[in-house]
């Protein structure tokens, strides 16, 4: 971008925006603004787009840094996939079906399933719960009563954020076994915290939306290609087609307001001027870049805790897992995914273990993790016994998500700041969702919407189509009717 000789800073056209951060939130905001006719520059400090949902090469493999899935109820992320023309590469299950293996049970009786029927809520899960072998008959009945109580909670009640989910479950008759075998089985994967460490508001949002809103809400989708294919290559192609100037390896050092109401952004030796700036970076980085007065209490951003996710990657010389994924009980292993085809592996099988709330393991040496997890896989998957491990490695995200602790809701800011023209985006902002791909996309939409309103630009109709889909879901469908698939052209709902 050439500089104006009198100022050294390019003049704006009255419709220029800079988006700082190339994760899902930033890419969404950039696409939304560009679709409305705003001239957008997207700046990303890393050499790629995608934030923490990315891929890298290891020998002949293409490896995702961690397993990410989403749910049918993740209307915003589904819009994002459609917008970058990636829907077919990350399909949804026809119907929720999760194999759950409990190693505490005798061999031959370890497998249970969480799946749904084509019946209205809550009957869609009735048969699965009634036959779920990992809970006693009394525990299954108590789970049903707790689910109905959860369905009755008002998500708009601020008092829910101050309570922890574990205490609420105990008060509603949930045994430690029920918490382990059902509530935490789902909650740890979606919230990155056990029930006792989780805000009741966020837990209620997850379970009400994912399991108790409509029959197909919890159907699981995941990328059948490397995440980089979606969140970097296809996202960059969509940005290019929309006219967005995308710069990677562009570290932003300062954001400041000019006297004429515009903004200046300094990045990697270049200074840009814009009418609107979207900060779509992690909360601590946002805190460091915020100008004085942008938030009443910017220190609250530093009070938002973080939680780690560990991913264990194992390549075997033969096929050892016959399903796309499974969840596990009675073992440190949480979820196991088959990543063979997506990685490009030609022989053998590549498994990825997704370990959320991994505070105890996140800094352990690779050798210690190998000693811990390979025997557990032998217990869990009989096919691994006698198989040769061709590769074993780990990926660590020490600050993978914000911690969904009680009280976090009051710390999460909205998209608008007190500085006109400056907006915030990121899964950690006040989207109502936990730290998921869905939350990231929703935050980008909120920031773009706020900026477009201030700039007097019309909302691009196709961007906000997912809002109508969400309203239809909230209003309910004809009882027993199957959801209509990706009618909107979410560590997605979950990571």
Protein backbone atom coordinates (compact mmCIF):
# COMPACT_ATOMS: atom_id res chain seq x y z
CA UNK A 1 0.00 0.00 0.00
CA UNK A 2 1.54 3.28 -1.03
CA UNK A 3 1.77 6.10 1.51
CA UNK A 4 0.37 9.61 1.01
CA UNK A 5 3.34 12.01 0.80
CA UNK A 6 1.91 14.60 3.17
CA UNK A 7 1.29 12.21 6.10
CA UNK A 8 3.04 8.94 5.46
CA UNK A 9 -0.28 7.22 6.22
CA UNK A 10 -2.80 6.14 3.55
CA UNK A 11 -6.06 8.06 3.55
CA UNK A 12 -9.29 6.13 4.09
CA UNK A 13 -12.26 6.09 1.77
CA UNK A 14 -14.80 6.19 4.57
CA UNK A 15 -15.25 2.41 4.36
CA UNK A 16 -11.92 0.88 5.28
CA UNK A 17 -11.44 -1.74 7.99
CA UNK A 18 -8.50 -3.60 9.46
CA UNK A 19 -9.05 -6.97 11.11
CA UNK A 20 -6.27 -8.08 13.42
CA UNK A 21 -6.12 -11.86 13.77
CA UNK A 22 -6.63 -14.59 11.18
CA UNK A 23 -8.39 -17.23 13.26
CA UNK A 24 -12.01 -18.15 12.64
CA UNK A 25 -13.24 -14.98 14.34
CA UNK A 26 -11.04 -12.70 12.25
CA UNK A 27 -11.70 -14.49 8.96
CA UNK A 28 -15.44 -14.32 9.63
CA UNK A 29 -15.33 -10.62 10.45
CA UNK A 30 -13.25 -9.90 7.34
CA UNK A 31 -15.62 -11.83 5.06
CA UNK A 32 -18.69 -10.19 6.56
CA UNK A 33 -17.27 -6.70 6.16
CA UNK A 34 -16.06 -7.35 2.63
CA UNK A 35 -19.42 -8.83 1.63
CA UNK A 36 -20.98 -5.53 2.68
CA UNK A 37 -18.66 -3.52 0.44
CA UNK A 38 -16.05 -2.54 3.02
CA UNK A 39 -12.42 -2.53 1.95
CA UNK A 40 -10.69 -4.91 4.38
CA UNK A 41 -7.11 -5.70 5.33
CA UNK A 42 -6.62 -8.82 7.44
CA UNK A 43 -3.42 -9.06 9.47
CA UNK A 44 -2.21 -12.35 10.97
CA UNK A 45 1.05 -12.75 12.87
CA UNK A 46 1.45 -16.44 12.08
CA UNK A 47 2.44 -17.74 8.64
CA UNK A 48 -1.06 -19.20 8.16
CA UNK A 49 -4.72 -18.62 8.89
CA UNK A 50 -6.93 -20.72 11.15
CA UNK A 51 -5.84 -19.79 14.67
CA UNK A 52 -5.63 -22.87 16.86
CA UNK A 53 -7.52 -25.05 14.36
CA UNK A 54 -4.65 -25.69 11.95
CA UNK A 55 -2.52 -28.39 10.32
CA UNK A 56 1.18 -29.01 9.84
CA UNK A 57 3.41 -31.51 8.06
CA UNK A 58 5.26 -34.29 9.87
CA UNK A 59 7.16 -36.49 7.47
CA UNK A 60 4.59 -37.77 5.01
CA UNK A 61 1.63 -36.92 7.24
CA UNK A 62 -0.57 -33.85 7.39
CA UNK A 63 -1.38 -33.48 11.07
CA UNK A 64 -4.06 -31.39 12.77
CA UNK A 65 -2.80 -29.75 15.94
CA UNK A 66 -5.90 -31.13 17.65
CA UNK A 67 -9.19 -32.83 16.88
CA UNK A 68 -12.04 -30.39 16.30
CA UNK A 69 -15.70 -31.31 15.84
CA UNK A 70 -18.92 -29.36 15.58
CA UNK A 71 -22.63 -30.11 16.03
CA UNK A 72 -25.66 -29.66 13.84
CA UNK A 73 -26.85 -26.89 16.18
CA UNK A 74 -23.71 -24.88 15.32
CA UNK A 75 -25.48 -22.75 12.73
CA UNK A 76 -22.78 -20.09 12.56
CA UNK A 77 -19.92 -22.51 11.94
CA UNK A 78 -22.05 -24.31 9.37
CA UNK A 79 -22.57 -20.96 7.64
CA UNK A 80 -18.80 -20.46 7.72
CA UNK A 81 -18.18 -23.83 6.09
CA UNK A 82 -20.67 -23.00 3.37
CA UNK A 83 -19.19 -19.53 2.86
CA UNK A 84 -15.72 -20.96 2.21
CA UNK A 85 -17.21 -23.84 0.14
CA UNK A 86 -16.07 -26.45 2.63
CA UNK A 87 -19.34 -28.05 3.78
CA UNK A 88 -18.82 -31.26 1.83
CA UNK A 89 -15.37 -31.68 3.39
CA UNK A 90 -16.70 -31.65 6.97
CA UNK A 91 -19.98 -33.60 6.86
CA UNK A 92 -22.35 -34.29 9.72
CA UNK A 93 -23.46 -37.68 10.96
CA UNK A 94 -26.88 -38.71 9.67
CA UNK A 95 -27.80 -39.29 13.28
CA UNK A 96 -25.95 -38.93 16.60
CA UNK A 97 -24.11 -42.15 17.44
CA UNK A 98 -21.22 -42.23 19.92
CA UNK A 99 -19.63 -45.55 20.94
CA UNK A 100 -18.62 -45.43 24.63
CA UNK A 101 -16.24 -48.10 25.93
CA UNK A 102 -15.93 -48.60 29.70
CA UNK A 103 -12.77 -50.44 30.69
CA UNK A 104 -14.08 -50.93 34.22
CA UNK A 105 -16.59 -53.48 32.91
CA UNK A 106 -15.80 -57.10 31.97
CA UNK A 107 -14.63 -57.76 28.43
CA UNK A 108 -17.55 -58.36 26.12
CA UNK A 109 -19.78 -55.96 28.10
CA UNK A 110 -17.77 -52.77 27.74
CA UNK A 111 -19.50 -51.13 24.78
CA UNK A 112 -22.40 -48.73 25.16
CA UNK A 113 -23.77 -46.14 22.75
CA UNK A 114 -25.23 -42.66 22.98
CA UNK A 115 -27.50 -42.23 19.98
CA UNK A 116 -30.78 -40.66 19.06
CA UNK A 117 -34.01 -41.66 17.42
CA UNK A 118 -36.21 -39.66 15.07
CA UNK A 119 -38.56 -38.66 17.88
CA UNK A 120 -39.34 -35.28 19.45
CA UNK A 121 -37.27 -33.94 22.34
CA UNK A 122 -36.71 -35.45 24.91
CA UNK A 123 -37.91 -38.81 23.58
CA UNK A 124 -35.18 -38.77 20.93
CA UNK A 125 -32.66 -39.90 23.58
CA UNK A 126 -35.06 -42.01 25.63
CA UNK A 127 -34.19 -45.42 24.22
CA UNK A 128 -30.45 -44.70 24.32
CA UNK A 129 -30.60 -43.60 27.95
CA UNK A 130 -32.83 -46.53 28.94
CA UNK A 131 -30.32 -49.04 27.57
CA UNK A 132 -27.08 -47.18 28.43
CA UNK A 133 -25.10 -49.90 30.21
CA UNK A 134 -22.65 -47.62 32.00
CA UNK A 135 -25.29 -46.37 34.48
CA UNK A 136 -27.57 -48.25 36.85
CA UNK A 137 -31.32 -48.18 36.34
CA UNK A 138 -31.70 -45.68 39.19
CA UNK A 139 -28.95 -43.48 37.74
CA UNK A 140 -30.61 -43.48 34.32
CA UNK A 141 -33.89 -42.37 35.86
CA UNK A 142 -32.15 -39.60 37.82
CA UNK A 143 -30.38 -38.40 34.65
CA UNK A 144 -33.76 -38.00 32.96
CA UNK A 145 -35.08 -35.92 35.84
CA UNK A 146 -31.96 -33.73 35.87
CA UNK A 147 -32.21 -33.21 32.11
CA UNK A 148 -35.79 -31.97 32.48
CA UNK A 149 -34.69 -29.61 35.27
CA UNK A 150 -31.83 -28.37 33.09
CA UNK A 151 -34.24 -27.77 30.22
CA UNK A 152 -36.26 -25.51 32.51
CA UNK A 153 -33.35 -23.20 33.39
CA UNK A 154 -33.46 -19.65 32.04
CA UNK A 155 -30.18 -18.99 30.23
CA UNK A 156 -30.78 -15.25 30.61
CA UNK A 157 -30.58 -15.54 34.40
CA UNK A 158 -27.23 -14.02 35.44
CA UNK A 159 -27.27 -16.00 38.68
CA UNK A 160 -26.48 -19.18 36.72
CA UNK A 161 -23.00 -17.92 35.88
CA UNK A 162 -22.07 -17.69 39.57
CA UNK A 163 -22.90 -21.36 40.24
CA UNK A 164 -20.83 -24.39 39.34
CA UNK A 165 -22.35 -27.20 37.32
CA UNK A 166 -21.03 -29.95 39.59
CA UNK A 167 -22.87 -28.63 42.64
CA UNK A 168 -26.05 -28.25 40.61
CA UNK A 169 -25.79 -31.85 39.40
CA UNK A 170 -25.26 -33.13 42.95
CA UNK A 171 -28.26 -31.13 44.17
CA UNK A 172 -30.30 -32.79 41.42
CA UNK A 173 -29.45 -36.32 42.46
CA UNK A 174 -26.55 -37.05 40.12
CA UNK A 175 -24.12 -39.62 41.49
CA UNK A 176 -20.37 -39.30 40.88
CA UNK A 177 -20.74 -42.20 38.44
CA UNK A 178 -23.47 -40.41 36.47
CA UNK A 179 -21.29 -37.31 36.28
CA UNK A 180 -18.32 -39.32 35.03
CA UNK A 181 -20.15 -41.58 32.59
CA UNK A 182 -22.48 -39.01 31.04
CA UNK A 183 -22.32 -35.37 32.08
CA UNK A 184 -18.52 -35.07 32.03
CA UNK A 185 -18.24 -37.37 29.03
CA UNK A 186 -19.99 -34.65 27.03
CA UNK A 187 -19.08 -31.62 29.12
CA UNK A 188 -15.31 -32.03 29.30
CA UNK A 189 -15.09 -32.35 25.51
CA UNK A 190 -17.23 -29.27 24.86
CA UNK A 191 -16.32 -27.05 27.82
CA UNK A 192 -12.71 -28.14 28.52
CA UNK A 193 -13.43 -28.48 32.23
CA UNK A 194 -15.02 -30.97 34.60
CA UNK A 195 -18.47 -30.17 35.97
CA UNK A 196 -17.20 -28.83 39.29
CA UNK A 197 -15.02 -26.27 37.52
CA UNK A 198 -17.67 -25.13 35.04
CA UNK A 199 -20.14 -22.25 35.11
CA UNK A 200 -23.71 -23.55 35.30
CA UNK A 201 -24.67 -20.96 32.68
CA UNK A 202 -22.25 -22.35 30.10
CA UNK A 203 -23.01 -25.98 30.92
CA UNK A 204 -26.75 -25.36 30.69
CA UNK A 205 -26.25 -23.64 27.35
CA UNK A 206 -24.32 -26.63 25.98
CA UNK A 207 -26.77 -29.28 27.14
CA UNK A 208 -29.93 -27.32 26.40
CA UNK A 209 -28.79 -26.36 22.90
CA UNK A 210 -26.99 -29.56 21.98
CA UNK A 211 -29.19 -32.23 23.52
CA UNK A 212 -32.52 -30.66 24.44
CA UNK A 213 -33.39 -28.19 21.67
CA UNK A 214 -34.25 -30.40 18.70
CA UNK A 215 -33.69 -34.07 17.84
CA UNK A 216 -30.71 -33.61 15.53
CA UNK A 217 -28.97 -30.79 17.39
CA UNK A 218 -26.12 -32.97 18.70
CA UNK A 219 -25.33 -34.82 15.46
CA UNK A 220 -21.56 -34.60 15.14
CA UNK A 221 -19.58 -33.24 12.21
CA UNK A 222 -15.83 -33.20 11.67
CA UNK A 223 -13.33 -32.44 8.94
CA UNK A 224 -12.51 -35.36 6.66
CA UNK A 225 -9.57 -33.35 5.37
CA UNK A 226 -6.81 -31.55 7.27
CA UNK A 227 -8.07 -28.48 9.13
CA UNK A 228 -5.61 -26.37 7.17
CA UNK A 229 -7.49 -27.25 3.99
CA UNK A 230 -10.59 -25.58 5.45
CA UNK A 231 -9.38 -22.81 7.73
CA UNK A 232 -6.33 -21.74 5.74
CA UNK A 233 -6.53 -22.70 2.04
CA UNK A 234 -10.27 -22.43 1.47
CA UNK A 235 -10.60 -19.49 3.86
CA UNK A 236 -7.84 -17.63 2.04
CA UNK A 237 -9.46 -18.34 -1.32
CA UNK A 238 -12.76 -16.96 -0.02
CA UNK A 239 -11.01 -13.87 1.33
CA UNK A 240 -9.26 -13.31 -1.98
CA UNK A 241 -12.53 -13.66 -3.88
CA UNK A 242 -14.16 -11.14 -1.55
CA UNK A 243 -11.38 -8.62 -2.21
CA UNK A 244 -9.77 -8.84 1.23
CA UNK A 245 -6.09 -8.05 1.42
CA UNK A 246 -4.61 -10.78 3.61
CA UNK A 247 -1.18 -10.41 5.17
CA UNK A 248 0.41 -13.19 7.22
CA UNK A 249 3.54 -12.82 9.34
CA UNK A 250 2.22 -9.33 10.07
CA UNK A 251 2.71 -8.58 13.75
CA UNK A 252 0.63 -5.67 15.02
CA UNK A 253 2.48 -3.49 17.50
CA UNK A 254 0.01 -0.66 18.14
CA UNK A 255 -3.58 0.44 17.55
CA UNK A 256 -4.46 4.07 18.15
CA UNK A 257 -7.24 6.54 17.44
CA UNK A 258 -6.57 9.57 15.24
CA UNK A 259 -7.97 13.01 15.89
CA UNK A 260 -10.33 12.75 12.93
CA UNK A 261 -12.06 9.66 14.29
CA UNK A 262 -10.16 7.15 12.16
CA UNK A 263 -7.73 4.53 13.42
CA UNK A 264 -4.10 3.78 12.75
CA UNK A 265 -2.63 0.29 12.96
CA UNK A 266 1.11 -0.32 12.97
CA UNK A 267 2.20 -3.75 11.79
CA UNK A 268 5.57 -5.05 10.61
CA UNK A 269 6.88 -1.67 9.54
CA UNK A 270 3.67 -0.54 7.84
CA UNK A 271 1.07 1.90 9.14
CA UNK A 272 -2.51 1.55 7.98
CA UNK A 273 -5.45 3.85 8.51
CA UNK A 274 -9.01 2.58 8.84
CA UNK A 275 -12.50 3.64 9.80
CA UNK A 276 -13.01 0.44 11.79
CA UNK A 277 -10.69 -2.00 13.52
CA UNK A 278 -11.59 -5.48 14.74
CA UNK A 279 -9.32 -7.02 17.35
CA UNK A 280 -9.77 -10.76 16.81
CA UNK A 281 -6.90 -12.01 18.96
CA UNK A 282 -6.65 -13.85 22.32
CA UNK A 283 -7.75 -11.88 25.35
CA UNK A 284 -4.28 -11.15 26.68
CA UNK A 285 -3.10 -9.88 23.32
CA UNK A 286 -6.26 -7.81 23.01
CA UNK A 287 -5.56 -6.32 26.44
CA UNK A 288 -2.08 -5.25 25.35
CA UNK A 289 -3.36 -3.61 22.14
CA UNK A 290 -6.42 -1.85 23.58
CA UNK A 291 -6.02 1.93 23.78
CA UNK A 292 -6.80 3.66 27.07
CA UNK A 293 -10.49 4.02 27.76
CA UNK A 294 -11.63 1.37 25.31
CA UNK A 295 -13.05 -0.76 28.14
CA UNK A 296 -14.15 0.30 31.61
CA UNK A 297 -12.15 -2.47 33.25
CA UNK A 298 -9.62 -3.86 30.77
CA UNK A 299 -7.89 -5.76 33.56
CA UNK A 300 -10.85 -8.16 33.53
CA UNK A 301 -9.49 -9.62 30.31
CA UNK A 302 -6.47 -10.81 32.27
CA UNK A 303 -8.77 -12.48 34.82
CA UNK A 304 -10.20 -14.81 32.17
CA UNK A 305 -8.40 -18.04 32.87
CA UNK A 306 -7.18 -20.53 30.28
CA UNK A 307 -7.39 -24.30 30.01
CA UNK A 308 -5.09 -26.72 28.14
CA UNK A 309 -5.76 -29.49 25.62
CA UNK A 310 -3.30 -32.28 24.92
CA UNK A 311 -3.42 -34.34 21.74
CA UNK A 312 -1.63 -37.68 21.58
CA UNK A 313 -0.88 -38.99 18.06
CA UNK A 314 -0.13 -42.66 17.44
CA UNK A 315 0.60 -44.32 14.09
CA UNK A 316 0.26 -48.12 13.96
CA UNK A 317 1.41 -50.52 11.27
CA UNK A 318 -2.10 -51.97 10.89
CA UNK A 319 -5.75 -51.07 11.41
CA UNK A 320 -6.66 -51.21 15.10
CA UNK A 321 -9.89 -49.18 15.28
CA UNK A 322 -12.96 -50.02 13.19
CA UNK A 323 -15.08 -46.90 13.87
CA UNK A 324 -14.41 -43.21 13.09
CA UNK A 325 -14.20 -42.34 16.79
CA UNK A 326 -15.10 -43.49 20.27
CA UNK A 327 -15.25 -42.17 23.82
CA UNK A 328 -13.74 -44.02 26.77
CA UNK A 329 -14.41 -44.50 30.48
CA UNK A 330 -12.29 -46.16 33.16
CA UNK A 331 -9.07 -44.94 31.56
CA UNK A 332 -7.16 -41.67 31.18
CA UNK A 333 -8.03 -41.81 27.46
CA UNK A 334 -10.99 -39.56 26.66
CA UNK A 335 -11.75 -39.60 22.92
CA UNK A 336 -10.01 -41.47 20.09
CA UNK A 337 -10.35 -40.46 16.43
CA UNK A 338 -9.21 -42.19 13.25
CA UNK A 339 -7.25 -39.62 11.24
CA UNK A 340 -5.74 -42.06 8.72
CA UNK A 341 -7.38 -40.87 5.50
CA UNK A 342 -7.31 -37.18 6.41
CA UNK A 343 -3.59 -37.30 7.14
CA UNK A 344 -2.66 -38.98 3.85
CA UNK A 345 -1.36 -42.14 5.52
CA UNK A 346 -1.24 -44.99 3.01
CA UNK A 347 -0.47 -47.98 5.25
CA UNK A 348 -1.45 -48.70 8.84
CA UNK A 349 -3.69 -46.48 10.95
CA UNK A 350 -3.22 -43.08 12.58
CA UNK A 351 -5.14 -42.38 15.79
CA UNK A 352 -5.48 -39.05 17.58
CA UNK A 353 -6.38 -38.92 21.26
CA UNK A 354 -8.06 -35.68 22.30
CA UNK A 355 -7.45 -34.98 25.99
CA UNK A 356 -9.34 -31.95 27.29
CA UNK A 357 -8.84 -30.33 30.71
CA UNK A 358 -5.32 -31.79 30.51
CA UNK A 359 -3.70 -29.85 33.36
CA UNK A 360 -2.01 -32.98 34.74
CA UNK A 361 -0.44 -34.05 31.44
CA UNK A 362 0.15 -30.88 29.46
CA UNK A 363 3.81 -30.47 30.49
CA UNK A 364 4.71 -34.16 30.82
CA UNK A 365 7.66 -35.37 28.69
CA UNK A 366 6.79 -37.30 25.55
CA UNK A 367 8.43 -40.42 26.96
CA UNK A 368 6.22 -40.28 30.05
CA UNK A 369 3.12 -39.78 27.92
CA UNK A 370 4.08 -42.72 25.73
CA UNK A 371 4.49 -44.90 28.81
CA UNK A 372 1.11 -43.71 30.09
CA UNK A 373 -1.06 -43.88 26.98
CA UNK A 374 0.18 -46.82 24.88
CA UNK A 375 -0.76 -49.41 27.55
CA UNK A 376 -4.14 -47.71 27.90
CA UNK A 377 -4.73 -48.04 24.17
CA UNK A 378 -3.85 -51.73 24.42
CA UNK A 379 -6.51 -52.11 27.11
CA UNK A 380 -9.03 -50.09 25.11
CA UNK A 381 -8.40 -51.48 21.61
CA UNK A 382 -7.56 -55.18 21.43
CA UNK A 383 -6.29 -54.70 17.87
CA UNK A 384 -3.32 -52.71 19.16
CA UNK A 385 -1.94 -55.74 20.99
CA UNK A 386 0.89 -56.99 18.85
CA UNK A 387 0.70 -53.99 16.49
CA UNK A 388 3.87 -51.98 15.90
CA UNK A 389 3.89 -48.30 16.83
CA UNK A 390 5.51 -46.52 13.91
CA UNK A 391 5.27 -43.03 15.37
CA UNK A 392 4.23 -41.42 18.63
CA UNK A 393 4.13 -37.67 19.21
CA UNK A 394 2.08 -35.06 21.02
CA UNK A 395 0.77 -31.57 20.34
CA UNK A 396 0.10 -29.24 23.23
CA UNK A 397 -2.10 -26.18 23.46
CA UNK A 398 -1.46 -24.82 26.93
CA UNK A 399 -3.96 -21.99 26.48
CA UNK A 400 -6.33 -23.80 24.13
CA UNK A 401 -9.52 -22.22 25.48
CA UNK A 402 -10.69 -19.80 28.08
CA UNK A 403 -11.56 -21.55 31.33
CA UNK A 404 -15.37 -21.78 31.70
CA UNK A 405 -15.18 -21.19 35.46
CA UNK A 406 -18.09 -19.82 37.47
CA UNK A 407 -18.14 -16.04 37.15
CA UNK A 408 -16.42 -15.93 33.76
CA UNK A 409 -19.52 -14.45 32.17
CA UNK A 410 -19.00 -11.08 33.83
CA UNK A 411 -15.46 -10.95 32.46
CA UNK A 412 -16.33 -11.53 28.79
CA UNK A 413 -16.81 -8.24 26.90
CA UNK A 414 -19.18 -7.72 24.01
CA UNK A 415 -18.15 -6.77 20.49
CA UNK A 416 -18.45 -3.01 21.02
CA UNK A 417 -15.90 -1.04 22.98
CA UNK A 418 -16.18 2.51 24.35
CA UNK A 419 -13.91 3.67 21.53
CA UNK A 420 -16.05 4.27 18.41
CA UNK A 421 -14.77 2.21 15.51
CA UNK A 422 -12.97 -0.40 17.63
CA UNK A 423 -14.52 -3.85 18.05
CA UNK A 424 -13.60 -7.14 19.72
CA UNK A 425 -13.94 -10.69 18.39
CA UNK A 426 -12.83 -14.08 19.62
CA UNK A 427 -14.37 -17.15 21.18
CA UNK A 428 -13.66 -15.57 24.60
CA UNK A 429 -16.00 -12.62 24.02
CA UNK A 430 -19.62 -12.58 25.19
CA UNK A 431 -21.19 -14.93 22.67
CA UNK A 432 -23.04 -17.07 25.21
CA UNK A 433 -21.11 -20.12 23.96
CA UNK A 434 -18.04 -21.81 25.45
CA UNK A 435 -14.70 -21.60 23.65
CA UNK A 436 -15.63 -23.41 20.44
CA UNK A 437 -15.40 -22.81 16.71
CA UNK A 438 -19.06 -21.81 16.86
CA UNK A 439 -18.30 -19.14 19.44
CA UNK A 440 -15.41 -17.82 17.34
CA UNK A 441 -17.55 -17.46 14.21
CA UNK A 442 -20.41 -15.87 16.15
CA UNK A 443 -18.01 -13.34 17.63
CA UNK A 444 -16.77 -12.39 14.16
CA UNK A 445 -20.35 -11.88 13.03
CA UNK A 446 -21.12 -9.70 16.06
CA UNK A 447 -18.05 -7.53 15.52
CA UNK A 448 -18.80 -7.11 11.81
CA UNK A 449 -22.45 -6.30 12.54
CA UNK A 450 -21.46 -3.61 15.02
CA UNK A 451 -18.94 -2.13 12.59
CA UNK A 452 -21.38 -2.14 9.68
CA UNK A 453 -23.99 -0.36 11.78
CA UNK A 454 -21.51 2.35 12.69
CA UNK A 455 -20.33 2.67 9.08
CA UNK A 456 -23.89 2.84 7.78
CA UNK A 457 -23.36 -0.20 5.59
CA UNK A 458 -26.13 -2.77 4.94
CA UNK A 459 -25.89 -6.22 6.43
CA UNK A 460 -25.02 -8.79 3.76
CA UNK A 461 -28.10 -11.01 3.65
CA UNK A 462 -26.29 -14.30 3.21
CA UNK A 463 -24.12 -13.70 6.27
CA UNK A 464 -26.98 -13.54 8.69
CA UNK A 465 -28.96 -16.44 7.24
CA UNK A 466 -27.80 -18.62 10.13
CA UNK A 467 -29.65 -16.34 12.58
CA UNK A 468 -32.92 -17.30 10.95
CA UNK A 469 -31.94 -20.97 11.18
CA UNK A 470 -31.21 -20.53 14.88
CA UNK A 471 -34.58 -18.83 15.42
CA UNK A 472 -36.32 -21.72 13.69
CA UNK A 473 -34.52 -24.16 15.97
CA UNK A 474 -35.49 -22.17 19.07
CA UNK A 475 -39.10 -22.04 17.95
CA UNK A 476 -39.13 -25.81 17.46
CA UNK A 477 -39.97 -28.06 14.56
CA UNK A 478 -42.81 -30.39 13.82
CA UNK A 479 -42.61 -33.20 16.41
CA UNK A 480 -40.67 -36.16 15.09
CA UNK A 481 -39.51 -34.33 11.98
CA UNK A 482 -35.89 -34.77 11.02
CA UNK A 483 -33.72 -31.61 10.86
CA UNK A 484 -33.27 -30.26 7.38
CA UNK A 485 -29.51 -30.65 7.11
CA UNK A 486 -27.19 -27.73 6.35
CA UNK A 487 -29.98 -25.45 5.15
CA UNK A 488 -27.87 -22.45 5.98
CA UNK A 489 -25.56 -22.02 3.18
CA UNK A 490 -18.81 -25.78 15.95
CA UNK A 491 -12.57 -27.54 20.30
CA UNK A 492 -18.13 -26.01 15.71
CA UNK A 493 -19.74 -26.74 18.82
CA UNK A 494 -16.85 -28.56 20.24
CA UNK A 495 -13.15 -28.36 19.78
